[in-house]
């Protein structure tokens, strides 16, 4: 094999490596871009707002407020739902979090009346706001990887929605 053949092979290898890195980097960047469009508030799992400051959430591309928080110190993606009475957790997530049933109940949902289990969440947090002893439900009909962050958590805050932003402030109760 001549020096010219070795140089040509090395050049082809370098070009192939360049294209693989370029395509891999582009795919990685695009995935991050799509994820930021789906959950623009993912950073809240590890961020705390300052004392007296509101927690500001951005709507996602579909018009929902999605944010990453924690249940019992485990990261959870939440869909904020002011129409939900409790923090509703899919059955698979409840098993992973080790949630125990405290009784069963019937729930009226957008998909009709369903039977689920009640539970008590030791701690729920979002953006540094933490609530203890939050009532929740284990919903076998709820699919996906997101829990519904309902009023059993949100009722502890003053909520203001303007355009594409939701602001939460600790409620000032008499």
N, C-alpha and C. Protein backbone atom coordinates (compact mmCIF):
# COMPACT_ATOMS: atom_id res chain seq x y z
N UNK A 1 0.85 -1.16 0.00
CA UNK A 1 0.00 0.00 0.00
C UNK A 1 0.91 1.23 0.00
N UNK A 2 0.66 2.12 -0.90
CA UNK A 2 1.51 3.30 -1.04
C UNK A 2 1.10 4.37 -0.03
N UNK A 3 2.00 5.36 0.13
CA UNK A 3 1.72 6.48 1.03
C UNK A 3 0.49 7.25 0.58
N UNK A 4 0.30 7.31 -0.73
CA UNK A 4 -0.87 8.03 -1.27
C UNK A 4 -2.17 7.33 -0.87
N UNK A 5 -2.20 5.99 -0.90
CA UNK A 5 -3.39 5.23 -0.49
C UNK A 5 -3.68 5.41 1.00
N UNK A 6 -2.62 5.41 1.81
CA UNK A 6 -2.77 5.60 3.25
C UNK A 6 -3.33 6.99 3.54
N UNK A 7 -2.83 7.99 2.84
CA UNK A 7 -3.32 9.36 3.03
C UNK A 7 -4.78 9.49 2.61
N UNK A 8 -5.12 8.84 1.49
CA UNK A 8 -6.49 8.89 1.00
C UNK A 8 -7.44 8.23 2.01
N UNK A 9 -7.06 7.07 2.56
CA UNK A 9 -7.90 6.38 3.55
C UNK A 9 -8.04 7.22 4.82
N UNK A 10 -6.95 7.83 5.25
CA UNK A 10 -7.01 8.67 6.44
C UNK A 10 -7.94 9.86 6.20
N UNK A 11 -7.86 10.45 5.01
CA UNK A 11 -8.73 11.57 4.66
C UNK A 11 -10.19 11.15 4.64
N UNK A 12 -10.49 9.99 4.06
CA UNK A 12 -11.87 9.49 4.04
C UNK A 12 -12.38 9.20 5.45
N UNK A 13 -11.49 8.64 6.29
CA UNK A 13 -11.87 8.36 7.67
C UNK A 13 -12.17 9.64 8.43
N UNK A 14 -11.35 10.67 8.21
CA UNK A 14 -11.59 11.95 8.88
C UNK A 14 -12.89 12.59 8.40
N UNK A 15 -13.17 12.47 7.09
CA UNK A 15 -14.41 13.04 6.55
C UNK A 15 -15.62 12.29 7.12
N UNK A 16 -15.52 10.98 7.20
CA UNK A 16 -16.60 10.18 7.76
C UNK A 16 -16.82 10.55 9.23
N UNK A 17 -15.75 10.69 10.00
CA UNK A 17 -15.84 11.07 11.39
C UNK A 17 -16.49 12.46 11.53
N UNK A 18 -16.11 13.40 10.68
CA UNK A 18 -16.70 14.73 10.69
C UNK A 18 -18.20 14.66 10.51
N UNK A 19 -18.68 13.91 9.50
CA UNK A 19 -20.11 13.83 9.22
C UNK A 19 -20.87 13.12 10.34
N UNK A 20 -20.27 12.07 10.91
CA UNK A 20 -20.92 11.37 12.02
C UNK A 20 -21.07 12.32 13.21
N UNK A 21 -20.00 13.07 13.54
CA UNK A 21 -20.08 14.01 14.66
C UNK A 21 -21.06 15.14 14.38
N UNK A 22 -21.08 15.63 13.15
CA UNK A 22 -22.00 16.70 12.78
C UNK A 22 -23.45 16.24 12.89
N UNK A 23 -23.76 15.08 12.34
CA UNK A 23 -25.13 14.56 12.41
C UNK A 23 -25.53 14.21 13.84
N UNK A 24 -24.60 13.60 14.60
CA UNK A 24 -24.90 13.27 16.00
C UNK A 24 -25.13 14.52 16.83
N UNK A 25 -24.28 15.53 16.64
CA UNK A 25 -24.45 16.79 17.37
C UNK A 25 -25.75 17.49 16.99
N UNK A 26 -26.08 17.47 15.71
CA UNK A 26 -27.34 18.08 15.25
C UNK A 26 -28.55 17.37 15.84
N UNK A 27 -28.52 16.04 15.88
CA UNK A 27 -29.63 15.28 16.46
C UNK A 27 -29.76 15.57 17.96
N UNK A 28 -28.63 15.65 18.66
CA UNK A 28 -28.64 15.95 20.09
C UNK A 28 -29.23 17.35 20.33
N UNK A 29 -28.80 18.34 19.55
CA UNK A 29 -29.30 19.69 19.69
C UNK A 29 -30.81 19.75 19.40
N UNK A 30 -31.24 19.09 18.33
CA UNK A 30 -32.65 19.11 17.94
C UNK A 30 -33.52 18.45 19.00
N UNK A 31 -33.03 17.36 19.60
CA UNK A 31 -33.78 16.70 20.67
C UNK A 31 -33.94 17.65 21.85
N UNK A 32 -32.88 18.37 22.21
CA UNK A 32 -32.95 19.35 23.30
C UNK A 32 -33.93 20.47 22.98
N UNK A 33 -33.93 20.91 21.74
CA UNK A 33 -34.85 21.96 21.30
C UNK A 33 -36.30 21.49 21.45
N UNK A 34 -36.60 20.27 20.97
CA UNK A 34 -37.96 19.74 21.08
C UNK A 34 -38.36 19.55 22.54
N UNK A 35 -37.43 19.09 23.37
CA UNK A 35 -37.73 18.90 24.79
C UNK A 35 -38.04 20.23 25.46
N UNK A 36 -37.31 21.30 25.11
CA UNK A 36 -37.58 22.62 25.67
C UNK A 36 -38.93 23.15 25.21
N UNK A 37 -39.37 22.78 24.02
CA UNK A 37 -40.69 23.19 23.55
C UNK A 37 -41.80 22.45 24.31
N UNK A 38 -41.55 21.19 24.69
CA UNK A 38 -42.53 20.38 25.39
C UNK A 38 -42.59 20.75 26.87
N UNK A 39 -41.43 20.97 27.50
CA UNK A 39 -41.37 21.31 28.92
C UNK A 39 -40.41 22.48 29.13
N UNK A 40 -40.90 23.71 28.92
CA UNK A 40 -40.02 24.87 29.06
C UNK A 40 -39.64 25.17 30.51
N UNK A 41 -40.22 24.44 31.46
CA UNK A 41 -39.97 24.67 32.88
C UNK A 41 -39.21 23.53 33.54
N UNK A 42 -38.49 22.74 32.75
CA UNK A 42 -37.77 21.57 33.27
C UNK A 42 -36.72 21.97 34.30
N UNK A 43 -36.17 23.14 34.16
CA UNK A 43 -35.11 23.60 35.07
C UNK A 43 -35.60 23.80 36.51
N UNK A 44 -36.90 23.84 36.73
CA UNK A 44 -37.43 24.13 38.06
C UNK A 44 -37.20 23.00 39.07
N UNK A 45 -36.83 21.82 38.60
CA UNK A 45 -36.59 20.71 39.52
C UNK A 45 -35.41 21.02 40.44
N UNK A 46 -34.48 21.85 39.97
CA UNK A 46 -33.26 22.12 40.73
C UNK A 46 -33.07 23.60 41.05
N UNK A 47 -34.14 24.39 40.92
CA UNK A 47 -34.04 25.83 41.13
C UNK A 47 -35.04 26.24 42.20
N UNK A 48 -34.64 27.18 43.01
CA UNK A 48 -35.54 27.73 44.02
C UNK A 48 -35.67 29.23 43.78
N UNK A 49 -36.90 29.73 43.86
CA UNK A 49 -37.11 31.17 43.71
C UNK A 49 -36.68 31.86 44.99
N UNK A 50 -36.35 33.14 44.87
CA UNK A 50 -35.94 33.91 46.04
C UNK A 50 -37.10 34.20 46.96
N UNK A 51 -36.78 34.52 48.20
CA UNK A 51 -37.80 34.83 49.20
C UNK A 51 -38.68 35.97 48.72
N UNK A 52 -39.99 35.77 48.73
CA UNK A 52 -40.93 36.79 48.31
C UNK A 52 -41.12 36.90 46.81
N UNK A 53 -40.35 36.16 46.05
CA UNK A 53 -40.45 36.19 44.58
C UNK A 53 -41.50 35.18 44.11
N UNK A 54 -42.22 35.50 43.05
CA UNK A 54 -43.17 34.52 42.51
C UNK A 54 -42.44 33.46 41.69
N UNK A 55 -43.06 32.32 41.57
CA UNK A 55 -42.58 31.28 40.67
C UNK A 55 -43.27 31.53 39.33
N UNK A 56 -42.49 31.73 38.28
CA UNK A 56 -43.04 32.05 36.96
C UNK A 56 -42.87 30.84 36.05
N UNK A 57 -43.99 30.38 35.50
CA UNK A 57 -44.00 29.25 34.58
C UNK A 57 -44.37 29.73 33.18
N UNK A 58 -43.76 29.11 32.18
CA UNK A 58 -44.06 29.43 30.78
C UNK A 58 -44.94 28.32 30.19
N UNK A 59 -45.88 28.71 29.33
CA UNK A 59 -46.68 27.71 28.60
C UNK A 59 -45.79 26.96 27.63
N UNK A 60 -46.13 25.69 27.41
CA UNK A 60 -45.39 24.95 26.38
C UNK A 60 -46.04 25.21 25.02
N UNK A 61 -45.50 24.60 24.02
CA UNK A 61 -45.96 24.83 22.65
C UNK A 61 -47.43 24.47 22.46
N UNK A 62 -47.91 23.49 23.25
CA UNK A 62 -49.31 23.05 23.14
C UNK A 62 -50.25 23.93 23.98
N UNK A 63 -49.70 24.90 24.71
CA UNK A 63 -50.52 25.80 25.51
C UNK A 63 -50.72 25.37 26.95
N UNK A 64 -50.01 24.31 27.37
CA UNK A 64 -50.14 23.81 28.75
C UNK A 64 -48.98 24.29 29.60
N UNK A 65 -49.21 24.26 30.89
CA UNK A 65 -48.14 24.56 31.84
C UNK A 65 -47.58 23.23 32.32
N UNK A 66 -46.41 22.88 31.84
CA UNK A 66 -45.72 21.65 32.20
C UNK A 66 -44.44 22.07 32.92
N UNK A 67 -44.14 21.40 34.03
CA UNK A 67 -42.95 21.73 34.80
C UNK A 67 -42.44 20.50 35.52
N UNK A 68 -41.16 20.48 35.77
CA UNK A 68 -40.56 19.39 36.51
C UNK A 68 -40.43 19.80 37.97
N UNK A 69 -40.95 18.97 38.85
CA UNK A 69 -40.87 19.20 40.29
C UNK A 69 -40.49 17.91 40.98
N UNK A 70 -40.95 17.74 42.20
CA UNK A 70 -40.60 16.54 42.96
C UNK A 70 -41.79 16.08 43.81
N UNK A 71 -41.93 14.77 43.91
CA UNK A 71 -42.84 14.14 44.87
C UNK A 71 -41.96 13.27 45.75
N UNK A 72 -42.02 13.51 47.05
CA UNK A 72 -41.21 12.76 48.01
C UNK A 72 -39.74 12.70 47.57
N UNK A 73 -39.24 13.84 47.13
CA UNK A 73 -37.85 14.05 46.72
C UNK A 73 -37.45 13.28 45.46
N UNK A 74 -38.41 12.80 44.69
CA UNK A 74 -38.13 12.13 43.41
C UNK A 74 -38.59 13.04 42.28
N UNK A 75 -37.78 13.23 41.22
CA UNK A 75 -38.19 14.11 40.12
C UNK A 75 -39.43 13.58 39.40
N UNK A 76 -40.36 14.50 39.14
CA UNK A 76 -41.62 14.16 38.47
C UNK A 76 -41.97 15.30 37.53
N UNK A 77 -42.45 14.95 36.36
CA UNK A 77 -42.96 15.97 35.45
C UNK A 77 -44.43 16.18 35.76
N UNK A 78 -44.80 17.46 35.94
CA UNK A 78 -46.18 17.82 36.28
C UNK A 78 -46.84 18.53 35.12
N UNK A 79 -48.12 18.26 34.94
CA UNK A 79 -49.01 19.06 34.11
C UNK A 79 -49.89 19.80 35.11
N UNK A 80 -49.75 21.12 35.19
CA UNK A 80 -50.53 21.89 36.15
C UNK A 80 -51.99 21.91 35.70
N UNK A 81 -52.88 21.51 36.60
CA UNK A 81 -54.29 21.34 36.25
C UNK A 81 -55.16 21.91 37.37
N UNK A 82 -55.64 23.14 37.17
CA UNK A 82 -56.48 23.78 38.19
C UNK A 82 -57.86 23.14 38.27
N UNK A 83 -58.19 22.26 37.33
CA UNK A 83 -59.46 21.54 37.37
C UNK A 83 -59.38 20.22 38.10
N UNK A 84 -58.18 19.82 38.50
CA UNK A 84 -58.00 18.56 39.22
C UNK A 84 -58.05 18.84 40.72
N UNK A 85 -58.79 18.04 41.46
CA UNK A 85 -58.91 18.22 42.90
C UNK A 85 -57.61 17.86 43.62
N UNK A 86 -57.01 16.74 43.22
CA UNK A 86 -55.82 16.23 43.88
C UNK A 86 -54.62 16.23 42.93
N UNK A 87 -53.46 15.94 43.49
CA UNK A 87 -52.30 15.62 42.66
C UNK A 87 -52.54 14.19 42.19
N UNK A 88 -52.79 14.03 40.90
CA UNK A 88 -53.15 12.72 40.35
C UNK A 88 -51.91 12.08 39.74
N UNK A 89 -51.59 10.89 40.21
CA UNK A 89 -50.37 10.18 39.82
C UNK A 89 -50.76 8.92 39.05
N UNK A 90 -50.17 8.68 37.88
CA UNK A 90 -50.43 7.42 37.17
C UNK A 90 -50.02 6.23 38.04
N UNK A 91 -50.69 5.10 37.87
CA UNK A 91 -50.44 3.91 38.70
C UNK A 91 -48.99 3.45 38.62
N UNK A 92 -48.39 3.46 37.43
CA UNK A 92 -47.00 3.02 37.30
C UNK A 92 -46.05 3.94 38.07
N UNK A 93 -46.29 5.23 38.00
CA UNK A 93 -45.46 6.19 38.73
C UNK A 93 -45.65 6.01 40.24
N UNK A 94 -46.89 5.77 40.66
CA UNK A 94 -47.16 5.57 42.09
C UNK A 94 -46.40 4.37 42.62
N UNK A 95 -46.34 3.31 41.84
CA UNK A 95 -45.58 2.12 42.26
C UNK A 95 -44.10 2.44 42.36
N UNK A 96 -43.58 3.20 41.41
CA UNK A 96 -42.16 3.56 41.41
C UNK A 96 -41.84 4.47 42.61
N UNK A 97 -42.78 5.34 42.98
CA UNK A 97 -42.58 6.25 44.11
C UNK A 97 -42.89 5.60 45.46
N UNK A 98 -43.43 4.39 45.43
CA UNK A 98 -43.77 3.69 46.67
C UNK A 98 -44.97 4.26 47.39
N UNK A 99 -45.92 4.84 46.63
CA UNK A 99 -47.11 5.42 47.25
C UNK A 99 -48.08 4.31 47.66
N UNK A 100 -48.69 4.50 48.82
CA UNK A 100 -49.63 3.51 49.33
C UNK A 100 -51.04 4.07 49.32
N UNK A 101 -51.98 3.20 49.06
CA UNK A 101 -53.39 3.58 49.04
C UNK A 101 -53.90 3.80 50.46
N UNK A 102 -54.70 4.87 50.63
CA UNK A 102 -55.37 5.11 51.91
C UNK A 102 -56.87 4.89 51.79
N UNK A 103 -57.31 4.37 50.64
CA UNK A 103 -58.73 4.10 50.39
C UNK A 103 -59.05 4.34 48.93
N UNK A 104 -60.20 3.91 48.52
CA UNK A 104 -60.59 4.11 47.12
C UNK A 104 -61.70 5.16 47.02
N UNK A 105 -61.83 5.70 45.81
CA UNK A 105 -62.84 6.74 45.59
C UNK A 105 -63.18 6.78 44.10
N UNK A 106 -64.32 7.42 43.82
CA UNK A 106 -64.72 7.66 42.43
C UNK A 106 -64.33 9.08 42.07
N UNK A 107 -63.83 9.26 40.84
CA UNK A 107 -63.41 10.57 40.37
C UNK A 107 -64.12 10.91 39.08
N UNK A 108 -64.55 12.16 38.94
CA UNK A 108 -65.11 12.65 37.69
C UNK A 108 -63.98 13.29 36.88
N UNK A 109 -63.68 12.71 35.73
CA UNK A 109 -62.58 13.19 34.90
C UNK A 109 -63.12 13.63 33.54
N UNK A 110 -62.25 14.17 32.73
CA UNK A 110 -62.63 14.55 31.37
C UNK A 110 -63.06 13.33 30.56
N UNK A 111 -62.60 12.15 30.97
CA UNK A 111 -62.95 10.91 30.27
C UNK A 111 -64.09 10.16 30.96
N UNK A 112 -64.78 10.82 31.88
CA UNK A 112 -65.89 10.17 32.56
C UNK A 112 -65.55 9.82 34.00
N UNK A 113 -66.44 9.05 34.60
CA UNK A 113 -66.29 8.67 36.00
C UNK A 113 -65.40 7.43 36.10
N UNK A 114 -64.36 7.51 36.96
CA UNK A 114 -63.42 6.39 37.12
C UNK A 114 -63.16 6.14 38.60
N UNK A 115 -62.79 4.92 38.90
CA UNK A 115 -62.44 4.55 40.27
C UNK A 115 -60.92 4.60 40.40
N UNK A 116 -60.46 5.16 41.51
CA UNK A 116 -59.03 5.24 41.78
C UNK A 116 -58.77 5.10 43.26
N UNK A 117 -57.53 5.28 43.63
CA UNK A 117 -57.12 5.16 45.02
C UNK A 117 -56.69 6.52 45.55
N UNK A 118 -56.96 6.76 46.81
CA UNK A 118 -56.48 7.96 47.48
C UNK A 118 -55.13 7.67 48.10
N UNK A 119 -54.31 8.70 48.23
CA UNK A 119 -53.00 8.55 48.87
C UNK A 119 -52.63 9.86 49.52
N UNK A 120 -51.61 9.84 50.34
CA UNK A 120 -51.09 11.05 50.96
C UNK A 120 -49.63 11.18 50.56
N UNK A 121 -49.30 12.30 49.95
CA UNK A 121 -47.93 12.56 49.51
C UNK A 121 -47.21 13.32 50.62
N UNK A 122 -46.11 12.77 51.09
CA UNK A 122 -45.38 13.40 52.19
C UNK A 122 -44.94 14.81 51.82
N UNK A 123 -44.44 14.97 50.59
CA UNK A 123 -43.91 16.27 50.18
C UNK A 123 -44.03 16.43 48.67
N UNK A 124 -44.49 17.59 48.25
CA UNK A 124 -44.55 17.96 46.83
C UNK A 124 -43.85 19.30 46.71
N UNK A 125 -42.94 19.41 45.74
CA UNK A 125 -42.24 20.69 45.57
C UNK A 125 -42.16 21.06 44.09
N UNK A 126 -42.14 22.37 43.89
CA UNK A 126 -42.04 22.93 42.55
C UNK A 126 -41.31 24.27 42.66
N UNK A 127 -40.14 24.36 42.03
CA UNK A 127 -39.40 25.61 41.99
C UNK A 127 -39.05 26.18 43.35
N UNK A 128 -38.84 25.32 44.32
CA UNK A 128 -38.51 25.79 45.67
C UNK A 128 -39.70 25.94 46.58
N UNK A 129 -40.92 25.91 46.04
CA UNK A 129 -42.12 25.93 46.88
C UNK A 129 -42.42 24.48 47.28
N UNK A 130 -42.57 24.26 48.56
CA UNK A 130 -42.79 22.90 49.06
C UNK A 130 -44.04 22.86 49.91
N UNK A 131 -44.82 21.79 49.75
CA UNK A 131 -46.00 21.56 50.58
C UNK A 131 -45.90 20.14 51.14
N UNK A 132 -46.28 20.01 52.39
CA UNK A 132 -46.24 18.70 53.04
C UNK A 132 -47.65 18.17 53.25
N UNK A 133 -47.75 16.85 53.32
CA UNK A 133 -49.04 16.17 53.54
C UNK A 133 -50.07 16.61 52.51
N UNK A 134 -49.75 16.37 51.25
CA UNK A 134 -50.61 16.76 50.13
C UNK A 134 -51.47 15.57 49.74
N UNK A 135 -52.77 15.80 49.64
CA UNK A 135 -53.68 14.72 49.23
C UNK A 135 -53.47 14.42 47.76
N UNK A 136 -53.48 13.15 47.43
CA UNK A 136 -53.27 12.74 46.06
C UNK A 136 -54.16 11.58 45.69
N UNK A 137 -54.12 11.24 44.42
CA UNK A 137 -54.87 10.08 43.93
C UNK A 137 -53.96 9.26 43.03
N UNK A 138 -54.18 7.97 43.08
CA UNK A 138 -53.49 7.04 42.19
C UNK A 138 -54.51 6.67 41.13
N UNK A 139 -54.22 7.09 39.90
CA UNK A 139 -55.20 6.97 38.82
C UNK A 139 -54.76 5.94 37.80
N UNK A 140 -55.37 4.75 37.83
CA UNK A 140 -54.96 3.71 36.89
C UNK A 140 -55.24 4.06 35.43
N UNK A 141 -56.21 4.94 35.17
CA UNK A 141 -56.53 5.33 33.80
C UNK A 141 -55.64 6.43 33.27
N UNK A 142 -54.84 7.05 34.13
CA UNK A 142 -53.94 8.12 33.72
C UNK A 142 -52.71 7.49 33.08
N UNK A 143 -52.41 7.87 31.86
CA UNK A 143 -51.27 7.29 31.16
C UNK A 143 -50.20 8.35 30.96
N UNK A 144 -49.03 7.90 30.61
CA UNK A 144 -47.93 8.81 30.35
C UNK A 144 -47.02 8.94 31.55
N UNK A 145 -46.06 9.83 31.42
CA UNK A 145 -45.05 10.01 32.45
C UNK A 145 -45.27 11.27 33.28
N UNK A 146 -46.42 11.91 33.16
CA UNK A 146 -46.67 13.15 33.90
C UNK A 146 -47.78 12.95 34.91
N UNK A 147 -47.61 13.59 36.06
CA UNK A 147 -48.65 13.64 37.08
C UNK A 147 -49.40 14.95 36.92
N UNK A 148 -50.68 14.96 37.29
CA UNK A 148 -51.46 16.19 37.27
C UNK A 148 -51.26 16.90 38.60
N UNK A 149 -50.78 18.13 38.55
CA UNK A 149 -50.58 18.90 39.76
C UNK A 149 -51.87 19.67 40.02
N UNK A 150 -52.70 19.11 40.88
CA UNK A 150 -54.03 19.65 41.12
C UNK A 150 -54.09 20.60 42.30
N UNK A 151 -55.33 20.92 42.68
CA UNK A 151 -55.58 21.96 43.67
C UNK A 151 -55.16 21.58 45.09
N UNK A 152 -54.98 20.30 45.39
CA UNK A 152 -54.51 19.95 46.74
C UNK A 152 -53.11 20.53 46.97
N UNK A 153 -52.37 20.82 45.92
CA UNK A 153 -51.10 21.55 46.02
C UNK A 153 -51.29 23.02 45.65
N UNK A 154 -51.94 23.28 44.52
CA UNK A 154 -52.03 24.64 43.99
C UNK A 154 -52.86 25.57 44.87
N UNK A 155 -53.79 25.02 45.66
CA UNK A 155 -54.65 25.85 46.51
C UNK A 155 -53.86 26.57 47.60
N UNK A 156 -52.64 26.18 47.82
CA UNK A 156 -51.79 26.80 48.83
C UNK A 156 -51.11 28.07 48.30
N UNK A 157 -51.41 28.40 47.02
CA UNK A 157 -50.76 29.53 46.36
C UNK A 157 -51.78 30.44 45.71
N UNK A 158 -51.40 31.70 45.56
CA UNK A 158 -52.18 32.62 44.73
C UNK A 158 -51.69 32.41 43.31
N UNK A 159 -52.64 32.23 42.38
CA UNK A 159 -52.32 31.92 40.99
C UNK A 159 -52.75 33.08 40.11
N UNK A 160 -51.84 33.51 39.25
CA UNK A 160 -52.16 34.56 38.29
C UNK A 160 -51.69 34.08 36.92
N UNK A 161 -52.62 34.08 35.96
CA UNK A 161 -52.28 33.67 34.60
C UNK A 161 -52.45 34.86 33.68
N UNK A 162 -51.40 35.19 32.97
CA UNK A 162 -51.41 36.29 32.02
C UNK A 162 -50.66 35.86 30.77
N UNK A 163 -51.34 35.90 29.65
CA UNK A 163 -50.74 35.50 28.37
C UNK A 163 -50.14 34.10 28.48
N UNK A 164 -48.85 33.98 28.27
CA UNK A 164 -48.20 32.67 28.27
C UNK A 164 -47.50 32.37 29.58
N UNK A 165 -47.87 33.08 30.65
CA UNK A 165 -47.19 32.89 31.93
C UNK A 165 -48.18 32.63 33.06
N UNK A 166 -47.76 31.78 33.97
CA UNK A 166 -48.48 31.54 35.21
C UNK A 166 -47.54 31.92 36.35
N UNK A 167 -48.04 32.70 37.31
CA UNK A 167 -47.25 33.07 38.47
C UNK A 167 -47.88 32.49 39.71
N UNK A 168 -47.07 31.83 40.52
CA UNK A 168 -47.51 31.28 41.80
C UNK A 168 -46.81 32.05 42.91
N UNK A 169 -47.59 32.46 43.90
CA UNK A 169 -47.06 33.11 45.10
C UNK A 169 -47.69 32.40 46.30
N UNK A 170 -46.94 32.24 47.38
CA UNK A 170 -47.57 31.65 48.58
C UNK A 170 -48.81 32.46 48.95
N UNK A 171 -49.89 31.77 49.21
CA UNK A 171 -51.17 32.43 49.52
C UNK A 171 -51.07 33.18 50.84
N UNK A 172 -51.63 34.36 50.84
CA UNK A 172 -51.70 35.14 52.07
C UNK A 172 -53.07 34.90 52.68
N UNK A 173 -53.12 34.02 53.63
CA UNK A 173 -54.37 33.64 54.29
C UNK A 173 -54.49 34.38 55.62
N UNK A 174 -55.70 34.83 55.95
CA UNK A 174 -55.90 35.50 57.25
C UNK A 174 -55.75 34.55 58.41
